[in-house]
Amino acid sequence: MDIDFIGYVVKIGNYYFGGRTQNSISIYKKAQRAEIYNENELDIAERVAEDFGGTIRKIYVSDKE
């Protein structure tokens, strides 16, 4: 079974940050729909987490069926 690192998401309470537009933000119940930041965008994820009081979570995927 392989486990691969996908990226980072911002978790706000029980929800995940999905993105922002001019005057609103999207939040989702499932991490699969969240905005995923790669290793080069970690600084952006940290800033978003700080702005909204969230935490950064690592996302992995496995090939297990």
N, C-alpha and C. Protein backbone atom coordinates (compact mmCIF):
# COMPACT_ATOMS: atom_id res chain seq x y z
N MET A 1 0.85 -1.18 0.00
CA MET A 1 0.00 0.00 0.00
C MET A 1 0.90 1.24 0.00
N ASP A 2 0.73 2.09 -1.00
CA ASP A 2 1.46 3.35 -1.08
C ASP A 2 0.62 4.49 -0.52
N ILE A 3 1.26 5.38 0.21
CA ILE A 3 0.61 6.58 0.70
C ILE A 3 1.40 7.76 0.16
N ASP A 4 0.74 8.63 -0.60
CA ASP A 4 1.39 9.76 -1.23
C ASP A 4 0.88 11.08 -0.64
N PHE A 5 1.81 11.99 -0.44
CA PHE A 5 1.46 13.33 0.04
C PHE A 5 0.86 14.13 -1.11
N ILE A 6 -0.30 14.74 -0.87
CA ILE A 6 -1.00 15.52 -1.89
C ILE A 6 -0.74 17.01 -1.70
N GLY A 7 -0.88 17.50 -0.48
CA GLY A 7 -0.70 18.92 -0.23
C GLY A 7 -1.28 19.30 1.13
N TYR A 8 -1.56 20.57 1.27
CA TYR A 8 -2.06 21.12 2.52
C TYR A 8 -3.45 21.71 2.33
N VAL A 9 -4.28 21.61 3.35
CA VAL A 9 -5.59 22.28 3.38
C VAL A 9 -5.68 23.07 4.67
N VAL A 10 -6.58 24.04 4.68
CA VAL A 10 -6.81 24.84 5.88
C VAL A 10 -8.11 24.37 6.51
N LYS A 11 -8.03 23.95 7.76
CA LYS A 11 -9.21 23.48 8.50
C LYS A 11 -9.65 24.58 9.46
N ILE A 12 -10.93 24.93 9.37
CA ILE A 12 -11.52 25.95 10.23
C ILE A 12 -12.62 25.27 11.03
N GLY A 13 -12.34 24.96 12.27
CA GLY A 13 -13.31 24.22 13.08
C GLY A 13 -13.50 22.83 12.50
N ASN A 14 -14.76 22.50 12.16
CA ASN A 14 -15.07 21.20 11.56
C ASN A 14 -15.15 21.27 10.04
N TYR A 15 -14.75 22.38 9.45
CA TYR A 15 -14.89 22.60 8.01
C TYR A 15 -13.54 22.90 7.38
N TYR A 16 -13.51 22.86 6.05
CA TYR A 16 -12.29 23.10 5.30
C TYR A 16 -12.47 24.31 4.38
N PHE A 17 -11.43 25.11 4.28
CA PHE A 17 -11.45 26.30 3.43
C PHE A 17 -11.46 25.89 1.97
N GLY A 18 -12.40 26.45 1.21
CA GLY A 18 -12.54 26.08 -0.19
C GLY A 18 -12.10 27.15 -1.16
N GLY A 19 -11.88 28.35 -0.69
CA GLY A 19 -11.48 29.44 -1.56
C GLY A 19 -12.20 30.72 -1.19
N ARG A 20 -11.75 31.81 -1.78
CA ARG A 20 -12.42 33.07 -1.51
C ARG A 20 -12.60 33.85 -2.79
N THR A 21 -13.67 34.60 -2.81
CA THR A 21 -13.93 35.54 -3.90
C THR A 21 -13.87 36.94 -3.29
N GLN A 22 -14.34 37.92 -4.01
CA GLN A 22 -14.22 39.29 -3.55
C GLN A 22 -14.79 39.51 -2.14
N ASN A 23 -16.01 39.05 -1.92
CA ASN A 23 -16.68 39.35 -0.65
C ASN A 23 -17.11 38.12 0.15
N SER A 24 -16.68 36.95 -0.24
CA SER A 24 -17.14 35.76 0.46
C SER A 24 -16.08 34.66 0.43
N ILE A 25 -16.26 33.69 1.31
CA ILE A 25 -15.39 32.51 1.31
C ILE A 25 -16.26 31.27 1.17
N SER A 26 -15.67 30.21 0.69
CA SER A 26 -16.36 28.92 0.59
C SER A 26 -15.75 27.99 1.63
N ILE A 27 -16.61 27.27 2.33
CA ILE A 27 -16.14 26.24 3.25
C ILE A 27 -16.88 24.96 2.95
N TYR A 28 -16.19 23.84 3.17
CA TYR A 28 -16.75 22.54 2.85
C TYR A 28 -16.60 21.60 4.03
N LYS A 29 -17.50 20.65 4.11
CA LYS A 29 -17.47 19.65 5.17
C LYS A 29 -16.39 18.58 4.89
N LYS A 30 -16.10 18.32 3.61
CA LYS A 30 -15.15 17.28 3.25
C LYS A 30 -13.85 17.88 2.74
N ALA A 31 -12.73 17.31 3.15
CA ALA A 31 -11.41 17.79 2.74
C ALA A 31 -11.20 17.63 1.24
N GLN A 32 -11.88 16.68 0.60
CA GLN A 32 -11.70 16.45 -0.83
C GLN A 32 -12.12 17.65 -1.66
N ARG A 33 -13.03 18.47 -1.15
CA ARG A 33 -13.52 19.63 -1.91
C ARG A 33 -12.76 20.90 -1.56
N ALA A 34 -11.91 20.83 -0.58
CA ALA A 34 -11.17 22.02 -0.12
C ALA A 34 -10.11 22.44 -1.12
N GLU A 35 -9.68 23.68 -0.99
CA GLU A 35 -8.57 24.16 -1.81
C GLU A 35 -7.29 23.53 -1.29
N ILE A 36 -6.54 22.90 -2.17
CA ILE A 36 -5.31 22.20 -1.79
C ILE A 36 -4.11 23.03 -2.21
N TYR A 37 -3.23 23.26 -1.25
CA TYR A 37 -2.01 24.03 -1.50
C TYR A 37 -0.84 23.06 -1.59
N ASN A 38 0.04 23.25 -2.58
CA ASN A 38 1.21 22.38 -2.68
C ASN A 38 2.33 22.93 -1.79
N GLU A 39 3.47 22.27 -1.81
CA GLU A 39 4.58 22.66 -0.93
C GLU A 39 5.08 24.08 -1.21
N ASN A 40 4.99 24.52 -2.47
CA ASN A 40 5.43 25.87 -2.82
C ASN A 40 4.45 26.94 -2.35
N GLU A 41 3.23 26.56 -2.03
CA GLU A 41 2.20 27.50 -1.61
C GLU A 41 1.93 27.45 -0.11
N LEU A 42 2.80 26.81 0.64
CA LEU A 42 2.60 26.67 2.08
C LEU A 42 2.48 28.03 2.76
N ASP A 43 3.23 29.02 2.31
CA ASP A 43 3.14 30.35 2.92
C ASP A 43 1.75 30.96 2.72
N ILE A 44 1.11 30.68 1.59
CA ILE A 44 -0.25 31.17 1.34
C ILE A 44 -1.21 30.47 2.30
N ALA A 45 -1.07 29.16 2.45
CA ALA A 45 -1.93 28.41 3.37
C ALA A 45 -1.78 28.92 4.79
N GLU A 46 -0.55 29.23 5.20
CA GLU A 46 -0.32 29.75 6.55
C GLU A 46 -1.00 31.10 6.74
N ARG A 47 -0.96 31.94 5.73
CA ARG A 47 -1.60 33.25 5.82
C ARG A 47 -3.13 33.11 5.90
N VAL A 48 -3.68 32.21 5.09
CA VAL A 48 -5.13 31.97 5.12
C VAL A 48 -5.55 31.44 6.49
N ALA A 49 -4.79 30.49 7.02
CA ALA A 49 -5.10 29.92 8.34
C ALA A 49 -5.06 31.00 9.41
N GLU A 50 -4.08 31.87 9.34
CA GLU A 50 -3.97 32.96 10.31
C GLU A 50 -5.14 33.94 10.19
N ASP A 51 -5.52 34.27 8.96
CA ASP A 51 -6.62 35.21 8.72
C ASP A 51 -7.95 34.71 9.25
N PHE A 52 -8.19 33.40 9.13
CA PHE A 52 -9.50 32.84 9.49
C PHE A 52 -9.48 32.02 10.77
N GLY A 53 -8.37 32.00 11.48
CA GLY A 53 -8.30 31.25 12.73
C GLY A 53 -8.32 29.75 12.54
N GLY A 54 -7.77 29.29 11.43
CA GLY A 54 -7.76 27.86 11.15
C GLY A 54 -6.40 27.24 11.38
N THR A 55 -6.30 25.97 11.06
CA THR A 55 -5.04 25.24 11.17
C THR A 55 -4.74 24.59 9.82
N ILE A 56 -3.48 24.27 9.62
CA ILE A 56 -3.06 23.63 8.37
C ILE A 56 -2.98 22.13 8.60
N ARG A 57 -3.56 21.38 7.68
CA ARG A 57 -3.55 19.91 7.74
C ARG A 57 -2.90 19.37 6.48
N LYS A 58 -2.13 18.31 6.65
CA LYS A 58 -1.54 17.63 5.50
C LYS A 58 -2.55 16.63 4.94
N ILE A 59 -2.58 16.48 3.63
CA ILE A 59 -3.49 15.55 2.98
C ILE A 59 -2.68 14.48 2.27
N TYR A 60 -3.05 13.23 2.51
CA TYR A 60 -2.40 12.09 1.87
C TYR A 60 -3.45 11.26 1.16
N VAL A 61 -3.03 10.48 0.20
CA VAL A 61 -3.92 9.55 -0.49
C VAL A 61 -3.22 8.20 -0.57
N SER A 62 -4.00 7.15 -0.47
CA SER A 62 -3.42 5.81 -0.57
C SER A 62 -4.04 5.08 -1.76
N ASP A 63 -3.37 4.03 -2.20
CA ASP A 63 -3.88 3.25 -3.33
C ASP A 63 -4.74 2.08 -2.87
N LYS A 64 -5.05 2.02 -1.57
CA LYS A 64 -5.89 0.94 -1.04
C LYS A 64 -7.30 1.10 -1.57
N GLU A 65 -7.89 0.00 -2.02
CA GLU A 65 -9.26 0.05 -2.55
C GLU A 65 -10.27 -0.41 -1.56
